[in-house]
Amino acid sequence: MTQPLRVGIKLSQDAPIESYKAIWKIADEARFDHCWAMDHLATIGGIGDDKPIFDGWELLAAMAIATTHVRIGLLVTGITYRNPALLAKLATTVDHLSDGRLEFGIGAAWAANEHEMYGISGLDHRVGLFSEGLQVIKSLWTQERTNFDGRYYKMSNAVANPKPVQNPYPPIWIGASGEATLKLTARHADVWNAAGGDLEKAVGVSKQLDEACAAIGRDPDEIRRSVQIPAGDDPAEIVDRVQRFAEAGFSEVIIILSGGNMPTNADPVGTATMLAEKVLPDLRS
């Protein structure tokens, strides 16, 4: 089944709070389909770990109030940073603040430096934590009481009210590339987010996800494919890159201004304006 192309924009790190606010406004007024931040405690990529970064969920709460139309989310929130009951509550709160515009991006976490510097445990059991955490979160969102007796999490007659605005819950975006996490993606995701912006590699991993879906009897077309690509300076080149991913079956494309392995954009607000004025209209047409 062919999905319509949806385009988002993302500012993640190494920028003052005024830049975030300006980009949220641009995303909302230009009618980007979604607007993103990320969930890390220290900066990542080639810029080192000591540059400015804000808490992702608090950014989302502010984004929910500052915008009206654009859907919002984190690509992605790490399961090891929070108890899943807390994470479910945070997401529900943002879903209500935004009148049901939350996209719930989640992953198994990976940044060893963060876990080491802050003493966060669980990275060596991240797949198990991810599997159980997803089960707990979905149960808290849909059941009146949750009982769960897992290896990592235990819930006893747990309540979680209110439920999310979106029924049964916000769309789940999973960032995954390994065999184990792709199996969890096949079972739980509404959207899969490919790691990196390499088209050939993303297509190859997408085929692995198809196989993981087939193994459990799920139609792979039920899972939309998404990718994050760095913004550049040439609008035509960006349009071409987005279209090539769309032709390969990636219906959700997020153009990023910082984060990952890309250099930090020197003028994220100016680049976002260029994307709104010269890239999004071409993609819409």
Protein backbone atom coordinates (compact mmCIF):
# COMPACT_ATOMS: atom_id res chain seq x y z
CA MET A 1 0.00 0.00 0.00
CA THR A 2 1.44 3.36 -1.02
CA GLN A 3 1.51 5.92 1.78
CA PRO A 4 1.39 9.68 1.15
CA LEU A 5 4.66 11.50 1.71
CA ARG A 6 4.87 13.37 5.00
CA VAL A 7 7.75 15.72 5.75
CA GLY A 8 9.06 16.82 9.12
CA ILE A 9 11.78 19.04 10.52
CA LYS A 10 14.04 18.45 13.53
CA LEU A 11 16.30 20.53 15.75
CA SER A 12 17.99 18.45 18.43
CA GLN A 13 20.99 20.05 20.08
CA ASP A 14 23.64 22.78 20.21
CA ALA A 15 21.22 25.69 19.81
CA PRO A 16 19.72 28.32 22.14
CA ILE A 17 16.14 27.91 23.24
CA GLU A 18 15.13 30.86 21.03
CA SER A 19 16.09 28.80 17.97
CA TYR A 20 13.83 25.94 19.05
CA LYS A 21 10.90 28.31 19.54
CA ALA A 22 11.47 29.93 16.14
CA ILE A 23 11.67 26.59 14.37
CA TRP A 24 8.51 25.28 16.04
CA LYS A 25 6.71 28.38 14.74
CA ILE A 26 8.08 27.85 11.23
CA ALA A 27 7.08 24.18 11.28
CA ASP A 28 3.56 25.01 12.42
CA GLU A 29 2.92 27.94 10.08
CA ALA A 30 4.46 26.26 7.02
CA ARG A 31 2.39 23.13 7.74
CA PHE A 32 5.22 20.65 8.01
CA ASP A 33 3.64 17.33 8.92
CA HIS A 34 5.71 16.84 12.06
CA CYS A 35 8.31 18.59 14.21
CA TRP A 36 10.91 16.75 16.29
CA ALA A 37 13.47 16.96 19.06
CA MET A 38 15.57 14.14 20.52
CA ASP A 39 16.05 12.47 23.89
CA HIS A 40 19.67 12.65 25.04
CA LEU A 41 21.33 14.02 28.16
CA ALA A 42 24.56 14.99 26.41
CA THR A 43 25.21 16.05 22.83
CA ILE A 44 26.13 13.39 20.29
CA GLY A 45 28.06 13.14 17.05
CA GLY A 46 31.23 14.86 15.95
CA ILE A 47 30.62 17.97 18.08
CA GLY A 48 31.45 16.17 21.32
CA ASP A 49 29.31 15.68 24.41
CA ASP A 50 29.61 19.08 26.11
CA LYS A 51 27.50 21.36 23.91
CA PRO A 52 24.08 22.72 24.97
CA ILE A 53 21.16 20.31 24.96
CA PHE A 54 17.72 20.48 26.58
CA ASP A 55 15.46 17.78 27.99
CA GLY A 56 13.43 16.27 25.15
CA TRP A 57 10.14 15.70 26.96
CA GLU A 58 10.06 19.21 28.39
CA LEU A 59 10.76 20.55 24.90
CA LEU A 60 7.80 18.53 23.65
CA ALA A 61 5.50 19.90 26.34
CA ALA A 62 6.49 23.43 25.34
CA MET A 63 6.13 22.56 21.67
CA ALA A 64 2.63 21.25 22.32
CA ILE A 65 1.56 24.63 23.67
CA ALA A 66 3.49 26.72 21.14
CA THR A 67 1.99 24.97 18.09
CA THR A 68 -1.48 24.22 16.80
CA HIS A 69 -1.24 22.07 13.69
CA VAL A 70 2.06 20.22 13.42
CA ARG A 71 2.44 16.78 14.97
CA ILE A 72 5.28 16.48 17.48
CA GLY A 73 7.66 13.86 18.78
CA LEU A 74 11.10 12.69 19.84
CA LEU A 75 13.32 10.64 17.58
CA VAL A 76 13.77 8.74 19.74
CA THR A 77 13.30 8.45 23.50
CA GLY A 78 15.60 5.89 25.12
CA ILE A 79 14.01 3.15 27.19
CA THR A 80 16.89 3.02 29.69
CA TYR A 81 16.47 6.61 30.90
CA ARG A 82 13.11 6.20 32.65
CA ASN A 83 10.80 3.67 34.23
CA PRO A 84 8.18 2.80 31.57
CA ALA A 85 5.34 3.95 33.83
CA LEU A 86 6.94 7.39 34.01
CA LEU A 87 7.49 7.39 30.26
CA ALA A 88 3.87 6.41 29.62
CA LYS A 89 2.72 9.26 31.87
CA LEU A 90 4.97 11.81 30.16
CA ALA A 91 3.68 10.77 26.75
CA THR A 92 0.05 10.88 27.84
CA THR A 93 0.55 14.36 29.29
CA VAL A 94 2.06 15.64 26.04
CA ASP A 95 -0.71 13.97 24.03
CA HIS A 96 -3.28 15.90 26.08
CA LEU A 97 -1.35 19.18 25.93
CA SER A 98 -1.19 18.89 22.14
CA ASP A 99 -4.81 17.78 21.66
CA GLY A 100 -3.69 14.42 20.31
CA ARG A 101 -0.71 15.38 18.14
CA LEU A 102 1.97 13.22 19.73
CA GLU A 103 4.04 10.76 17.71
CA PHE A 104 5.69 8.40 20.22
CA GLY A 105 9.26 7.71 19.11
CA ILE A 106 11.11 5.10 21.18
CA GLY A 107 14.28 3.04 20.97
CA ALA A 108 16.51 0.77 23.02
CA ALA A 109 19.12 3.53 23.68
CA TRP A 110 22.75 3.27 22.66
CA ALA A 111 24.90 6.19 23.91
CA ALA A 112 27.45 4.48 26.17
CA ASN A 113 29.05 7.79 27.21
CA GLU A 114 25.78 9.02 28.72
CA HIS A 115 25.24 5.83 30.66
CA GLU A 116 28.81 5.92 31.96
CA MET A 117 28.93 9.60 32.96
CA TYR A 118 25.54 9.60 34.70
CA GLY A 119 25.68 6.08 36.12
CA ILE A 120 22.60 4.94 34.22
CA SER A 121 22.34 1.16 34.26
CA GLY A 122 20.75 -1.22 31.79
CA LEU A 123 22.57 -0.61 28.51
CA ASP A 124 23.87 -4.18 28.48
CA HIS A 125 20.25 -5.39 28.81
CA ARG A 126 18.72 -2.78 26.54
CA VAL A 127 16.85 -5.17 24.24
CA GLY A 128 15.19 -6.94 27.16
CA LEU A 129 14.31 -3.62 28.76
CA PHE A 130 12.94 -2.41 25.44
CA SER A 131 10.77 -5.50 24.95
CA GLU A 132 9.29 -5.39 28.43
CA GLY A 133 9.02 -1.61 28.47
CA LEU A 134 6.94 -1.57 25.30
CA GLN A 135 4.57 -4.15 26.76
CA VAL A 136 4.18 -2.18 29.99
CA ILE A 137 3.60 1.15 28.22
CA LYS A 138 0.96 -0.25 25.87
CA SER A 139 -0.83 -1.94 28.77
CA LEU A 140 -0.83 1.23 30.88
CA TRP A 141 -2.28 3.14 27.93
CA THR A 142 -5.08 0.67 27.26
CA GLN A 143 -5.92 -1.26 30.45
CA GLU A 144 -7.61 -0.05 33.62
CA ARG A 145 -5.05 -1.94 35.72
CA THR A 146 -1.70 -3.36 34.71
CA ASN A 147 -0.05 -6.38 36.26
CA PHE A 148 3.32 -7.33 34.85
CA ASP A 149 5.92 -9.71 36.22
CA GLY A 150 8.96 -9.47 33.98
CA ARG A 151 12.69 -9.84 34.41
CA TYR A 152 13.25 -6.08 34.46
CA TYR A 153 9.91 -4.51 35.34
CA LYS A 154 7.18 -5.45 37.77
CA MET A 155 3.81 -3.71 37.91
CA SER A 156 1.20 -4.55 40.52
CA ASN A 157 -2.39 -3.40 39.98
CA ALA A 158 -0.94 -0.25 38.36
CA VAL A 159 -3.24 2.56 37.26
CA ALA A 160 -2.52 5.10 34.55
CA ASN A 161 -5.20 7.72 34.12
CA PRO A 162 -6.08 9.56 32.02
CA LYS A 163 -5.51 7.51 28.90
CA PRO A 164 -3.99 9.17 25.82
CA VAL A 165 -6.21 11.34 23.65
CA GLN A 166 -5.38 9.18 20.64
CA ASN A 167 -7.12 5.81 20.58
CA PRO A 168 -5.78 3.33 21.44
CA TYR A 169 -2.55 5.32 21.86
CA PRO A 170 -0.20 7.63 19.93
CA PRO A 171 1.50 6.15 16.86
CA ILE A 172 4.61 4.26 17.94
CA TRP A 173 7.80 5.06 16.01
CA ILE A 174 10.66 2.66 16.69
CA GLY A 175 14.24 3.39 15.76
CA ALA A 176 15.95 0.06 15.10
CA SER A 177 18.57 -1.58 12.92
CA GLY A 178 19.63 -4.82 14.63
CA GLU A 179 17.95 -8.19 14.30
CA ALA A 180 16.52 -8.25 17.83
CA THR A 181 15.13 -4.72 17.74
CA LEU A 182 13.70 -5.24 14.25
CA LYS A 183 11.73 -8.18 15.65
CA LEU A 184 10.28 -5.86 18.29
CA THR A 185 9.59 -3.28 15.58
CA ALA A 186 7.64 -5.87 13.62
CA ARG A 187 5.53 -6.62 16.68
CA HIS A 188 4.89 -3.15 18.07
CA ALA A 189 5.60 -0.32 15.61
CA ASP A 190 3.33 1.84 13.51
CA VAL A 191 6.39 3.51 11.99
CA TRP A 192 9.98 2.29 11.67
CA ASN A 193 12.77 4.87 11.70
CA ALA A 194 15.93 3.95 9.79
CA ALA A 195 19.30 4.76 11.30
CA GLY A 196 21.29 7.26 9.23
CA GLY A 197 20.53 8.69 5.83
CA ASP A 198 22.12 6.11 3.53
CA LEU A 199 19.44 5.06 1.03
CA GLU A 200 20.92 1.72 0.02
CA LYS A 201 21.49 0.66 3.62
CA ALA A 202 18.02 1.83 4.68
CA VAL A 203 16.38 -0.16 1.89
CA GLY A 204 18.33 -3.25 2.92
CA VAL A 205 17.25 -2.99 6.56
CA SER A 206 13.68 -2.30 5.44
CA LYS A 207 13.71 -5.67 3.67
CA GLN A 208 14.88 -7.29 6.90
CA LEU A 209 11.90 -5.69 8.64
CA ASP A 210 9.62 -7.20 5.97
CA GLU A 211 11.05 -10.61 6.84
CA ALA A 212 10.58 -10.02 10.57
CA CYS A 213 6.92 -9.11 9.90
CA ALA A 214 6.41 -12.23 7.78
CA ALA A 215 7.80 -14.39 10.60
CA ILE A 216 5.00 -13.29 12.95
CA GLY A 217 2.27 -13.04 10.33
CA ARG A 218 2.05 -9.25 10.22
CA ASP A 219 1.54 -7.36 6.98
CA PRO A 220 4.70 -5.25 6.54
CA ASP A 221 2.64 -2.55 4.82
CA GLU A 222 1.10 -1.81 8.22
CA ILE A 223 4.42 -0.25 9.26
CA ARG A 224 5.32 3.04 7.62
CA ARG A 225 9.00 3.63 6.87
CA SER A 226 10.75 6.81 7.99
CA VAL A 227 14.23 8.27 7.67
CA GLN A 228 16.12 11.29 8.93
CA ILE A 229 18.30 13.17 6.45
CA PRO A 230 20.56 16.17 7.11
CA ALA A 231 19.59 19.49 5.60
CA GLY A 232 21.94 21.04 3.07
CA ASP A 233 22.24 24.41 1.40
CA ASP A 234 20.76 23.51 -2.00
CA PRO A 235 16.95 23.25 -2.03
CA ALA A 236 16.87 21.29 -5.28
CA GLU A 237 19.35 18.75 -3.94
CA ILE A 238 17.29 18.28 -0.77
CA VAL A 239 14.12 17.79 -2.81
CA ASP A 240 15.91 15.20 -4.92
CA ARG A 241 17.11 13.28 -1.86
CA VAL A 242 13.65 13.29 -0.27
CA GLN A 243 12.05 12.10 -3.50
CA ARG A 244 14.53 9.24 -3.86
CA PHE A 245 13.65 8.00 -0.37
CA ALA A 246 9.94 8.40 -1.15
CA GLU A 247 10.32 6.36 -4.33
CA ALA A 248 12.01 3.65 -2.25
CA GLY A 249 8.98 3.42 0.04
CA PHE A 250 9.90 5.85 2.83
CA SER A 251 6.74 7.86 3.40
CA GLU A 252 8.00 9.81 6.44
CA VAL A 253 11.08 11.97 5.86
CA ILE A 254 12.51 14.16 8.61
CA ILE A 255 14.98 16.87 7.60
CA ILE A 256 17.35 17.46 10.48
CA LEU A 257 19.21 20.61 11.44
CA SER A 258 21.37 19.06 14.17
CA GLY A 259 22.05 15.70 15.74
CA GLY A 260 23.38 12.39 14.54
CA ASN A 261 26.73 12.56 12.78
CA MET A 262 25.99 15.74 10.84
CA PRO A 263 27.80 19.01 11.54
CA THR A 264 25.69 21.41 13.57
CA ASN A 265 23.87 23.81 11.27
CA ALA A 266 25.31 27.30 11.61
CA ASP A 267 21.93 28.97 11.10
CA PRO A 268 19.15 26.49 11.91
CA VAL A 269 16.41 29.11 11.80
CA GLY A 270 17.55 30.38 8.41
CA THR A 271 17.78 26.83 7.09
CA ALA A 272 14.32 26.02 8.42
CA THR A 273 12.98 29.10 6.64
CA MET A 274 14.61 27.94 3.41
CA LEU A 275 13.07 24.50 3.81
CA ALA A 276 9.64 26.03 4.40
CA GLU A 277 9.86 28.40 1.43
CA LYS A 278 11.80 26.43 -1.18
CA VAL A 279 11.70 22.72 -0.32
CA LEU A 280 8.30 21.95 1.19
CA PRO A 281 6.30 23.62 -1.64
CA ASP A 282 8.16 21.57 -4.27
CA LEU A 283 7.54 18.35 -2.34
CA ARG A 284 3.86 19.21 -1.89
CA SER A 285 3.46 19.81 -5.63
